[in-house]
Amino acid sequence: MLSRRSVLRGGTFAAALASAGIYELVDALVGPFERPPVTMARQPLLPEQYAIPHPRHIMDDGFGVASGKGKIPVLIPPFHNHVVTANLNVPANAKALQEAQRHLESVLQHLERQFPPPPSGVGVVVAWGLPYFRHYIPRLEKSSSHFHAGTSYPAYLPVDLIASKERGHTVYALQEARTFPSDEPPPGFGPVRLEQNDVAVLLRGDSLDTIMAATNAIFGTGNNQAGGLFKVTSIRRGFTGGAHTGGQGLASKLALAAGIPGADLIPKQSPVFLGFTTTLRDAESSVPLSNFEALPGWTDQWPNGYFKHGTIMPLSHLFQDLVAWYSKVFPTFDARIHAMFRPGVSFAPGTVTADPPEQKEADVLSDAQKYHAYGHNGSMQPVNRLQAQTTSNYGHVYPVNTAITNRGDFATLDNPFHYTSDPAGDHYRSQKAAGLHFLLFAPTTETFNRVRLAMDGEFPGGKRASFSPRSSGAGLNSVVHTTHRQNFLIPPRSHRSFPLAEFLA
């Protein structure tokens, strides 16, 4: 029988698929949560794959706990979050792809009948990379209300209207991943790996058993499973939350269990390794706002695009240096507050959840000049919030400072992945490490790029902070570094299985 160590070296996919490793501790460690009553009648699923129909939230007291004195609304994501990436094991012809489309959709629909949506059940999000479209959908041979016969790659993809107007040529909403100024690797690490997976599947829920059952249904190779369609390249497991009842959070518990350097410094109520709540309800958009079609003039998917109700999902892995964050670079609570939020602000010692006023670009650049520093959260707000009241294509009025994107990231102890088909290329190590599998739901790739550049002190008009984006003044950049990036397109639920294959002949 294989040992867990040999399994996680990346050489035995079947065993890695069946093992959750250290994340098996999550269900035993997490405290109870008072969930809304579950009705017997299933509600229709939303057209957005990435939507959680009834997201939970608490009123946080500022110290990471739901209490009668809580004033800050905080979302409580599902505790388990896993991503599986893969390339296809399907011939690039119409018959094979259409058979694969039917088979995968049958498996997904069976899962939806078997389990309720998250957080109590399991949510499955199927996202597709540019290599899928480029290699498998080079040309549409059938016409429809969405496309003319003969439309070639990439002309059938959603168009980013804003970027296209700015650059004077067509820019698509899904673009290849790029690197950013602060992606320069620290000594001893290689450059960021820009991945080329065909597909990524995100699975979310409170129960590890349901997550593992869904993963096995999609990637297992038995009867009524879809694993024969895929060659898995990575399994990325992780978690979030667990401190809402006033107990010790999962970040602290699991980091201590794994022997991560600096684990003893993580605040007990923190839902993440770096000590501050990241899921403020007001910092997340409502789901439709992240869709391709929601905001007037952003893409060409309104009113009846094929990818309407879809979105873009940038996916990356980052290491987090806890010793540098808590003792070497930012050794005081105030220093960490300034790096996370904004120089000059202050909160009561022990604060885990804070919601300071939103910042404008001028505020960030003023801080950069005055303090030779800016805050991580504050730097991104000018490009991740609506700068004016906006009425969506659906007629909903969103006030100024409404967030445009939704975060879906989760903490991990993978180094960098639970399983990889390429241990050398992914620099796999069996030793655990504090990290983040970062993912975001955004209307366009350029939306994410603007936010990520702002994190490095660069803004769309060309203004920028005058110091290195990896300096201690650049928010969190000096204590985190990215190892992998790729962007994916999440189709609507109706087209999640091998999108566009039905137009091949």
Protein backbone atom coordinates (compact mmCIF):
# COMPACT_ATOMS: atom_id res chain seq x y z
CA MET A 1 0.00 0.00 0.00
CA LEU A 2 1.32 3.44 -0.86
CA SER A 3 2.26 5.77 1.96
CA ARG A 4 0.73 9.24 2.01
CA ARG A 5 4.16 10.71 1.36
CA SER A 6 4.57 8.72 -1.85
CA VAL A 7 1.04 9.60 -2.93
CA LEU A 8 1.60 13.30 -2.59
CA ARG A 9 4.83 13.29 -4.54
CA GLY A 10 2.61 13.51 -7.59
CA GLY A 11 3.29 10.05 -9.01
CA THR A 12 -0.01 8.34 -8.22
CA PHE A 13 -3.06 10.27 -9.30
CA ALA A 14 -5.69 7.71 -8.23
CA ALA A 15 -4.40 7.65 -4.67
CA ALA A 16 -4.13 11.44 -4.54
CA LEU A 17 -7.70 11.74 -5.79
CA ALA A 18 -8.91 9.54 -2.95
CA SER A 19 -6.90 11.30 -0.22
CA ALA A 20 -7.59 14.71 1.28
CA GLY A 21 -4.42 14.69 3.37
CA ILE A 22 -4.34 17.22 6.19
CA TYR A 23 -7.66 18.70 5.07
CA GLU A 24 -9.38 15.68 6.56
CA LEU A 25 -9.00 17.57 9.86
CA VAL A 26 -11.33 20.37 8.77
CA ASP A 27 -14.65 18.66 9.54
CA ALA A 28 -13.41 17.58 12.97
CA LEU A 29 -12.02 21.02 13.83
CA VAL A 30 -14.69 23.39 12.55
CA GLY A 31 -17.30 24.59 15.01
CA PRO A 32 -21.05 24.26 14.48
CA PHE A 33 -22.82 26.87 12.42
CA GLU A 34 -26.46 27.81 12.71
CA ARG A 35 -27.65 27.30 9.16
CA PRO A 36 -30.97 28.46 7.72
CA PRO A 37 -33.60 25.70 7.65
CA VAL A 38 -33.36 23.38 4.67
CA THR A 39 -36.63 22.96 2.80
CA MET A 40 -37.49 19.70 1.10
CA ALA A 41 -38.38 21.40 -2.18
CA ARG A 42 -35.31 22.12 -4.30
CA GLN A 43 -35.14 25.64 -5.65
CA PRO A 44 -34.11 26.04 -9.31
CA LEU A 45 -30.39 26.60 -9.65
CA LEU A 46 -29.26 30.01 -10.80
CA PRO A 47 -27.92 30.34 -14.36
CA GLU A 48 -24.55 31.44 -12.92
CA GLN A 49 -22.42 28.40 -12.12
CA TYR A 50 -20.39 30.31 -9.57
CA ALA A 51 -23.36 31.56 -7.54
CA ILE A 52 -24.00 30.32 -4.01
CA PRO A 53 -27.80 30.63 -3.88
CA HIS A 54 -28.12 31.44 -0.18
CA PRO A 55 -24.77 32.77 1.05
CA ARG A 56 -24.31 32.86 4.81
CA HIS A 57 -23.22 35.90 6.71
CA ILE A 58 -22.66 36.98 10.28
CA MET A 59 -22.52 40.35 11.98
CA ASP A 60 -18.91 40.48 13.09
CA ASP A 61 -17.90 42.32 16.27
CA GLY A 62 -14.51 43.29 14.79
CA PHE A 63 -12.70 40.45 16.52
CA GLY A 64 -13.78 37.74 14.10
CA VAL A 65 -16.80 36.60 16.09
CA ALA A 66 -20.56 36.79 15.51
CA SER A 67 -22.11 38.54 18.49
CA GLY A 68 -25.00 40.74 19.48
CA LYS A 69 -22.66 43.71 19.23
CA GLY A 70 -21.48 42.86 15.72
CA LYS A 71 -21.77 45.66 13.17
CA ILE A 72 -19.76 44.42 10.19
CA PRO A 73 -21.52 41.99 7.79
CA VAL A 74 -19.14 39.20 6.85
CA LEU A 75 -19.74 36.37 4.40
CA ILE A 76 -19.01 32.83 5.60
CA PRO A 77 -17.82 30.81 2.59
CA PRO A 78 -17.99 27.01 2.44
CA PHE A 79 -15.28 25.48 4.60
CA HIS A 80 -13.87 23.17 1.90
CA ASN A 81 -12.61 24.56 -1.40
CA HIS A 82 -10.86 22.41 -3.99
CA VAL A 83 -9.76 23.01 -7.59
CA VAL A 84 -8.81 20.32 -10.11
CA THR A 85 -7.11 21.32 -13.37
CA ALA A 86 -6.85 19.07 -16.39
CA ASN A 87 -6.18 18.71 -20.07
CA LEU A 88 -8.60 16.81 -22.27
CA ASN A 89 -8.35 13.17 -23.19
CA VAL A 90 -10.78 13.57 -26.09
CA PRO A 91 -10.09 13.59 -29.85
CA ALA A 92 -10.46 17.02 -31.41
CA ASN A 93 -13.42 16.17 -33.64
CA ALA A 94 -17.12 16.99 -33.52
CA LYS A 95 -18.41 13.49 -32.73
CA ALA A 96 -16.02 12.89 -29.83
CA LEU A 97 -16.54 16.32 -28.34
CA GLN A 98 -20.32 16.13 -28.56
CA GLU A 99 -20.32 12.70 -26.92
CA ALA A 100 -18.06 14.08 -24.19
CA GLN A 101 -20.39 17.05 -23.79
CA ARG A 102 -23.38 14.78 -23.21
CA HIS A 103 -21.48 12.52 -20.83
CA LEU A 104 -20.08 15.30 -18.64
CA GLU A 105 -23.43 17.06 -18.49
CA SER A 106 -25.11 13.83 -17.43
CA VAL A 107 -22.61 13.42 -14.58
CA LEU A 108 -23.06 17.03 -13.45
CA GLN A 109 -26.83 16.83 -13.51
CA HIS A 110 -26.71 13.62 -11.46
CA LEU A 111 -24.59 15.43 -8.85
CA GLU A 112 -27.11 18.27 -8.71
CA ARG A 113 -29.89 15.77 -8.05
CA GLN A 114 -27.81 13.99 -5.43
CA PHE A 115 -26.59 17.01 -3.47
CA PRO A 116 -28.11 20.42 -2.67
CA PRO A 117 -26.11 23.52 -3.62
CA PRO A 118 -23.43 24.87 -1.28
CA PRO A 119 -22.76 25.53 1.47
CA SER A 120 -24.72 22.54 2.85
CA GLY A 121 -24.16 20.43 -0.27
CA VAL A 122 -21.61 20.87 -3.02
CA GLY A 123 -21.11 23.45 -5.73
CA VAL A 124 -19.35 22.54 -8.97
CA VAL A 125 -18.00 25.23 -11.30
CA VAL A 126 -16.53 24.17 -14.65
CA ALA A 127 -14.22 26.74 -16.23
CA TRP A 128 -12.39 26.59 -19.56
CA GLY A 129 -8.99 27.92 -20.59
CA LEU A 130 -7.91 29.42 -23.89
CA PRO A 131 -6.13 26.18 -24.92
CA TYR A 132 -9.53 24.44 -25.03
CA PHE A 133 -11.05 27.00 -27.36
CA ARG A 134 -7.94 27.35 -29.50
CA HIS A 135 -7.36 23.63 -30.04
CA TYR A 136 -10.83 22.09 -29.85
CA ILE A 137 -13.08 24.86 -31.21
CA PRO A 138 -11.09 26.36 -34.12
CA ARG A 139 -14.20 27.08 -36.22
CA LEU A 140 -17.97 26.91 -35.73
CA GLU A 141 -19.60 25.00 -38.57
CA LYS A 142 -23.23 25.55 -37.57
CA SER A 143 -25.07 28.86 -37.27
CA SER A 144 -27.33 29.92 -34.42
CA SER A 145 -28.87 33.05 -32.97
CA HIS A 146 -25.45 33.74 -31.43
CA PHE A 147 -23.01 32.98 -34.25
CA HIS A 148 -22.70 32.72 -38.00
CA ALA A 149 -21.45 29.44 -39.48
CA GLY A 150 -17.76 29.80 -40.18
CA THR A 151 -16.96 31.93 -37.14
CA SER A 152 -13.38 31.10 -36.19
CA TYR A 153 -11.48 31.24 -32.92
CA PRO A 154 -11.38 33.63 -31.10
CA ALA A 155 -14.20 35.65 -32.71
CA TYR A 156 -16.91 33.72 -30.83
CA LEU A 157 -15.53 34.70 -27.40
CA PRO A 158 -16.97 37.64 -25.41
CA VAL A 159 -15.48 40.99 -26.42
CA ASP A 160 -14.18 43.44 -23.83
CA LEU A 161 -15.71 46.64 -25.20
CA ILE A 162 -13.87 49.00 -22.87
CA ALA A 163 -10.39 47.64 -23.60
CA SER A 164 -11.19 47.37 -27.32
CA LYS A 165 -12.12 51.06 -27.48
CA GLU A 166 -9.03 52.10 -25.51
CA ARG A 167 -6.62 50.10 -27.70
CA GLY A 168 -8.26 50.55 -31.07
CA HIS A 169 -8.57 46.82 -31.80
CA THR A 170 -10.62 43.87 -30.58
CA VAL A 171 -9.75 42.68 -27.07
CA TYR A 172 -11.50 39.60 -25.74
CA ALA A 173 -12.77 39.19 -22.21
CA LEU A 174 -10.69 36.03 -21.79
CA GLN A 175 -6.98 36.68 -22.23
CA GLU A 176 -3.82 34.75 -21.47
CA ALA A 177 -2.48 35.23 -17.98
CA ARG A 178 0.39 37.69 -17.63
CA THR A 179 2.92 38.54 -14.97
CA PHE A 180 2.94 41.72 -12.90
CA PRO A 181 5.74 43.89 -11.54
CA SER A 182 5.69 42.33 -8.07
CA ASP A 183 5.75 38.81 -9.54
CA GLU A 184 9.54 38.99 -9.61
CA PRO A 185 10.48 35.85 -7.66
CA PRO A 186 12.47 36.13 -4.43
CA PRO A 187 15.90 34.43 -4.28
CA GLY A 188 15.66 30.67 -4.58
CA PHE A 189 12.39 30.62 -6.51
CA GLY A 190 11.77 30.30 -10.23
CA PRO A 191 9.58 32.56 -12.40
CA VAL A 192 5.80 32.44 -12.33
CA ARG A 193 4.47 29.49 -14.32
CA LEU A 194 1.80 30.66 -16.78
CA GLU A 195 -0.27 27.52 -17.11
CA GLN A 196 -2.02 26.13 -20.18
CA ASN A 197 -4.73 23.83 -18.80
CA ASP A 198 -7.82 23.09 -20.86
CA VAL A 199 -10.20 23.09 -17.90
CA ALA A 200 -10.45 23.83 -14.18
CA VAL A 201 -13.18 22.55 -11.86
CA LEU A 202 -13.92 24.36 -8.60
CA LEU A 203 -15.72 22.38 -5.88
CA ARG A 204 -17.08 24.04 -2.72
CA GLY A 205 -19.05 22.84 0.30
CA ASP A 206 -19.05 22.33 4.06
CA SER A 207 -18.67 18.55 3.97
CA LEU A 208 -15.48 16.88 2.82
CA ASP A 209 -17.42 13.70 2.03
CA THR A 210 -19.59 15.50 -0.53
CA ILE A 211 -16.60 17.29 -2.05
CA MET A 212 -14.73 14.01 -2.44
CA ALA A 213 -17.81 12.25 -3.86
CA ALA A 214 -18.28 14.99 -6.47
CA THR A 215 -14.58 15.01 -7.34
CA ASN A 216 -14.62 11.25 -7.80
CA ALA A 217 -17.74 11.41 -10.00
CA ILE A 218 -16.09 13.91 -12.33
CA PHE A 219 -12.51 12.61 -12.34
CA GLY A 220 -12.86 8.94 -11.37
CA THR A 221 -12.72 6.31 -14.09
CA GLY A 222 -15.46 3.90 -13.03
CA ASN A 223 -18.92 3.42 -14.51
CA ASN A 224 -20.98 6.62 -14.72
CA GLN A 225 -17.90 8.74 -14.03
CA ALA A 226 -16.30 11.28 -16.35
CA GLY A 227 -12.62 10.79 -15.55
CA GLY A 228 -11.89 9.20 -18.92
CA LEU A 229 -12.41 12.62 -20.51
CA PHE A 230 -9.56 14.24 -18.60
CA LYS A 231 -5.83 14.04 -17.89
CA VAL A 232 -5.59 15.71 -14.48
CA THR A 233 -2.66 18.10 -14.10
CA SER A 234 -3.22 19.27 -10.51
CA ILE A 235 -5.40 18.85 -7.44
CA ARG A 236 -5.48 21.95 -5.24
CA ARG A 237 -7.12 21.56 -1.85
CA GLY A 238 -7.79 24.14 0.84
CA PHE A 239 -10.13 25.67 3.39
CA THR A 240 -11.45 28.88 4.89
CA GLY A 241 -13.20 30.13 8.02
CA GLY A 242 -14.02 28.20 11.14
CA ALA A 243 -13.70 30.93 13.80
CA HIS A 244 -17.20 32.44 13.67
CA THR A 245 -18.37 30.74 16.88
CA GLY A 246 -15.60 32.39 18.91
CA GLY A 247 -13.21 29.46 18.83
CA GLN A 248 -9.90 28.99 17.11
CA GLY A 249 -10.02 29.36 13.35
CA LEU A 250 -8.94 26.77 10.82
CA ALA A 251 -5.98 28.88 9.68
CA SER A 252 -4.41 28.73 13.11
CA LYS A 253 -5.36 25.11 13.82
CA LEU A 254 -4.16 23.64 10.55
CA ALA A 255 -0.99 25.71 10.37
CA LEU A 256 -0.07 24.52 13.86
CA ALA A 257 -0.92 20.92 12.94
CA ALA A 258 1.31 21.18 9.87
CA GLY A 259 4.21 22.77 11.76
CA ILE A 260 4.30 25.88 9.54
CA PRO A 261 6.91 28.46 10.67
CA GLY A 262 5.07 31.37 12.27
CA ALA A 263 1.87 29.37 12.87
CA ASP A 264 1.85 30.34 16.54
CA LEU A 265 1.60 34.02 15.52
CA ILE A 266 -1.69 33.68 13.59
CA PRO A 267 -4.55 35.32 15.53
CA LYS A 268 -6.83 32.61 16.88
CA GLN A 269 -10.01 34.14 15.36
CA SER A 270 -8.53 34.78 11.92
CA PRO A 271 -10.14 32.95 8.98
CA VAL A 272 -6.90 33.21 6.97
CA PHE A 273 -3.17 33.02 7.61
CA LEU A 274 -2.49 36.77 7.48
CA GLY A 275 -4.81 37.63 10.34
CA PHE A 276 -7.58 39.78 8.84
CA THR A 277 -11.03 38.91 7.49
CA THR A 278 -11.13 39.02 3.70
CA THR A 279 -14.83 38.29 3.06
CA LEU A 280 -16.59 41.51 4.05
CA ARG A 281 -20.00 41.45 2.43
CA ASP A 282 -19.69 45.04 1.19
CA ALA A 283 -16.38 44.21 -0.49
CA GLU A 284 -18.04 41.59 -2.71
CA SER A 285 -20.33 42.30 -5.65
CA SER A 286 -23.72 40.74 -6.01
CA VAL A 287 -23.28 37.81 -8.38
CA PRO A 288 -24.82 39.40 -11.51
CA LEU A 289 -22.45 42.36 -11.34
CA SER A 290 -19.51 40.02 -12.03
CA ASN A 291 -21.28 38.60 -15.10
CA PHE A 292 -20.22 39.46 -18.62
CA GLU A 293 -23.54 41.11 -19.43
CA ALA A 294 -24.46 43.00 -16.26
CA LEU A 295 -22.67 46.34 -16.66
CA PRO A 296 -23.64 48.41 -19.72
CA GLY A 297 -20.84 48.76 -22.24
CA TRP A 298 -18.43 46.27 -20.64
CA THR A 299 -18.84 43.31 -23.03
CA ASP A 300 -20.94 42.33 -26.04
CA GLN A 301 -22.93 39.61 -24.20
CA TRP A 302 -26.04 41.74 -23.55
CA PRO A 303 -28.84 41.00 -24.25
CA ASN A 304 -28.51 37.43 -25.54
CA GLY A 305 -24.87 36.37 -25.78
CA TYR A 306 -23.99 32.68 -25.69
CA PHE A 307 -21.88 33.33 -22.58
CA LYS A 308 -24.48 35.48 -20.82
CA HIS A 309 -24.46 34.69 -17.07
CA GLY A 310 -20.82 33.71 -17.37
CA THR A 311 -17.70 35.33 -16.00
CA ILE A 312 -13.89 35.22 -15.98
CA MET A 313 -11.94 33.30 -13.31
CA PRO A 314 -8.26 34.16 -12.81
CA LEU A 315 -6.62 31.36 -10.81
CA SER A 316 -3.24 31.57 -9.11
CA HIS A 317 -1.19 30.13 -6.27
CA LEU A 318 0.75 32.30 -3.81
CA PHE A 319 3.09 31.50 -0.94
CA GLN A 320 2.73 33.58 2.23
CA ASP A 321 5.75 34.17 4.51
CA LEU A 322 4.21 34.20 8.00
CA VAL A 323 7.47 34.86 9.82
CA ALA A 324 8.14 37.94 7.66
CA TRP A 325 4.56 39.16 8.06
CA TYR A 326 4.30 38.78 11.81
CA SER A 327 7.85 39.44 13.00
CA LYS A 328 10.50 40.44 10.47
CA VAL A 329 8.89 42.94 8.08
CA PHE A 330 5.77 44.02 9.99
CA PRO A 331 6.55 43.20 13.64
CA THR A 332 3.77 45.29 15.22
CA PHE A 333 0.01 45.15 14.96
CA ASP A 334 -0.12 48.76 13.71
CA ALA A 335 2.44 47.99 11.00
CA ARG A 336 0.28 45.10 9.75
CA ILE A 337 -2.86 47.27 9.85
CA HIS A 338 -1.10 49.89 7.73
CA ALA A 339 0.15 47.30 5.24
CA MET A 340 -3.23 45.61 4.94
CA PHE A 341 -5.49 48.68 4.89
CA ARG A 342 -3.88 52.12 4.86
CA PRO A 343 -0.96 53.97 6.46
CA GLY A 344 -2.04 56.17 9.35
CA VAL A 345 -5.22 54.31 10.32
CA SER A 346 -5.55 52.58 13.68
CA PHE A 347 -7.79 49.91 15.20
CA ALA A 348 -8.07 48.34 18.61
CA PRO A 349 -5.38 45.73 19.27
CA GLY A 350 -6.64 42.28 18.31
CA THR A 351 -8.97 43.54 15.57
CA VAL A 352 -9.49 40.88 12.94
CA THR A 353 -12.32 42.45 10.91
CA ALA A 354 -12.09 46.08 9.81
CA ASP A 355 -14.01 48.16 7.30
CA PRO A 356 -12.29 51.54 6.90
CA PRO A 357 -13.64 54.13 4.45
CA GLU A 358 -13.10 53.44 0.75
CA GLN A 359 -10.08 55.01 -0.90
CA LYS A 360 -9.75 56.85 -4.17
CA GLU A 361 -6.73 56.78 -6.45
CA ALA A 362 -5.66 60.20 -5.12
CA ASP A 363 -5.72 58.85 -1.55
CA VAL A 364 -3.45 55.94 -2.43
CA LEU A 365 -0.96 58.12 -4.30
CA SER A 366 -1.02 60.72 -1.52
CA ASP A 367 -0.20 58.02 1.05
CA ALA A 368 2.58 56.72 -1.20
CA GLN A 369 4.12 60.19 -1.26
CA LYS A 370 3.54 61.03 2.42
CA TYR A 371 4.38 57.66 4.02
CA HIS A 372 6.33 56.01 1.20
CA ALA A 373 3.73 53.25 1.59
CA TYR A 374 0.19 52.28 0.69
CA GLY A 375 -2.22 49.65 1.97
CA HIS A 376 -3.05 46.41 0.16
CA ASN A 377 -6.85 46.74 0.35
CA GLY A 378 -6.91 50.47 -0.21
CA SER A 379 -4.73 50.31 -3.32
CA MET A 380 -7.21 48.09 -5.15
CA GLN A 381 -10.45 49.86 -4.24
CA PRO A 382 -10.18 52.65 -6.87
CA VAL A 383 -10.31 50.06 -9.68
CA ASN A 384 -12.44 47.39 -8.02
CA ARG A 385 -15.34 49.67 -7.07
CA LEU A 386 -17.85 51.52 -9.19
CA GLN A 387 -16.77 55.16 -9.31
CA ALA A 388 -20.31 56.39 -9.95
CA GLN A 389 -23.84 55.18 -9.33
CA THR A 390 -24.58 52.66 -12.08
CA THR A 391 -27.76 51.05 -13.39
CA SER A 392 -27.15 47.53 -14.63
CA ASN A 393 -28.63 46.07 -17.80
CA TYR A 394 -31.15 44.38 -15.51
CA GLY A 395 -32.31 47.70 -14.12
CA HIS A 396 -30.73 47.38 -10.69
CA VAL A 397 -29.15 50.57 -9.35
CA TYR A 398 -25.75 50.04 -7.76
CA PRO A 399 -24.42 52.86 -5.57
CA VAL A 400 -20.96 54.35 -5.90
CA ASN A 401 -18.21 52.17 -4.35
CA THR A 402 -20.04 48.91 -5.07
CA ALA A 403 -17.48 46.14 -5.61
CA ILE A 404 -17.28 44.78 -9.16
CA THR A 405 -15.64 41.41 -8.50
CA ASN A 406 -16.26 38.44 -6.21
CA ARG A 407 -13.43 36.64 -4.44
CA GLY A 408 -13.36 32.87 -4.13
CA ASP A 409 -9.86 32.33 -2.74
CA PHE A 410 -8.98 29.93 0.04
CA ALA A 411 -6.07 29.08 2.31
CA THR A 412 -3.89 26.09 1.51
CA LEU A 413 -0.99 24.10 2.90
CA ASP A 414 -0.16 22.67 -0.54
CA ASN A 415 3.40 23.21 -1.73
CA PRO A 416 2.19 24.27 -4.21
CA PHE A 417 -0.46 21.58 -4.99
CA HIS A 418 -1.88 18.51 -3.25
CA TYR A 419 -1.13 16.58 -6.46
CA THR A 420 0.71 17.52 -9.64
CA SER A 421 1.34 15.53 -12.80
CA ASP A 422 4.59 17.50 -13.21
CA PRO A 423 6.35 17.65 -9.83
CA ALA A 424 9.58 19.06 -11.27
CA GLY A 425 7.89 21.75 -13.37
CA ASP A 426 5.61 22.78 -10.49
CA HIS A 427 8.50 22.63 -7.95
CA TYR A 428 6.49 20.27 -5.76
CA ARG A 429 7.67 19.69 -2.19
CA SER A 430 6.21 17.38 0.44
CA GLN A 431 6.90 19.91 3.21
CA LYS A 432 3.79 21.95 3.98
CA ALA A 433 3.74 25.71 3.34
CA ALA A 434 1.33 28.55 4.06
CA GLY A 435 -0.30 29.72 0.87
CA LEU A 436 -3.35 30.88 -0.98
CA HIS A 437 -5.17 29.48 -3.98
CA PHE A 438 -6.45 32.81 -5.26
CA LEU A 439 -9.42 32.99 -7.57
CA LEU A 440 -11.71 35.81 -8.55
CA PHE A 441 -14.90 36.22 -10.56
CA ALA A 442 -14.71 39.28 -12.83
CA PRO A 443 -16.47 40.57 -15.98
CA THR A 444 -13.23 40.64 -17.99
CA THR A 445 -9.58 39.66 -17.69
CA GLU A 446 -8.70 43.35 -17.91
CA THR A 447 -10.79 43.97 -14.78
CA PHE A 448 -8.49 41.61 -12.89
CA ASN A 449 -5.37 43.02 -14.54
CA ARG A 450 -6.30 46.56 -13.46
CA VAL A 451 -6.90 45.40 -9.89
CA ARG A 452 -3.64 43.45 -9.79
CA LEU A 453 -1.63 46.37 -11.20
CA ALA A 454 -3.17 48.67 -8.58
CA MET A 455 -1.92 46.22 -5.95
CA ASP A 456 1.54 47.09 -7.36
CA GLY A 457 0.81 50.82 -7.16
CA GLU A 458 0.03 51.29 -10.88
CA PHE A 459 -3.25 52.87 -12.05
CA PRO A 460 -4.98 53.01 -15.47
CA GLY A 461 -4.13 56.67 -16.15
CA GLY A 462 -0.41 55.97 -15.88
CA LYS A 463 0.14 57.29 -12.35
CA ARG A 464 2.06 55.03 -10.01
CA ALA A 465 3.83 54.86 -6.67
CA SER A 466 7.49 55.81 -6.96
CA PHE A 467 8.98 52.81 -5.13
CA SER A 468 9.49 49.12 -5.85
CA PRO A 469 6.30 47.05 -5.91
CA ARG A 470 8.08 44.42 -3.78
CA SER A 471 9.17 46.88 -1.10
CA SER A 472 7.75 46.78 2.43
CA GLY A 473 5.76 49.91 1.55
CA ALA A 474 3.79 48.11 -1.17
CA GLY A 475 1.10 46.52 0.96
CA LEU A 476 1.58 42.77 1.28
CA ASN A 477 3.83 42.34 -1.73
CA SER A 478 7.05 41.76 0.18
CA VAL A 479 5.62 38.79 2.12
CA VAL A 480 3.75 36.98 -0.67
CA HIS A 481 4.85 35.70 -4.05
CA THR A 482 3.01 34.02 -6.88
CA THR A 483 4.07 30.69 -8.38
CA HIS A 484 1.32 29.92 -10.95
CA ARG A 485 -1.27 31.83 -12.98
CA GLN A 486 -3.96 31.04 -15.54
CA ASN A 487 -7.22 32.68 -16.60
CA PHE A 488 -10.41 30.74 -17.31
CA LEU A 489 -13.86 31.45 -18.72
CA ILE A 490 -16.83 30.21 -16.69
CA PRO A 491 -19.77 29.66 -19.07
CA PRO A 492 -23.36 29.84 -17.84
CA ARG A 493 -24.72 26.64 -16.33
CA SER A 494 -26.51 25.83 -19.59
CA HIS A 495 -23.20 25.74 -21.55
CA ARG A 496 -20.78 24.49 -18.88
CA SER A 497 -20.02 21.14 -20.53
CA PHE A 498 -17.66 21.48 -23.51
CA PRO A 499 -18.98 24.90 -24.57
CA LEU A 500 -19.60 25.41 -28.30
CA ALA A 501 -19.09 21.74 -29.17
CA GLU A 502 -22.71 21.63 -30.37
CA PHE A 503 -21.73 23.99 -33.24
CA LEU A 504 -19.11 21.64 -34.67
CA ALA A 505 -19.81 19.38 -37.62
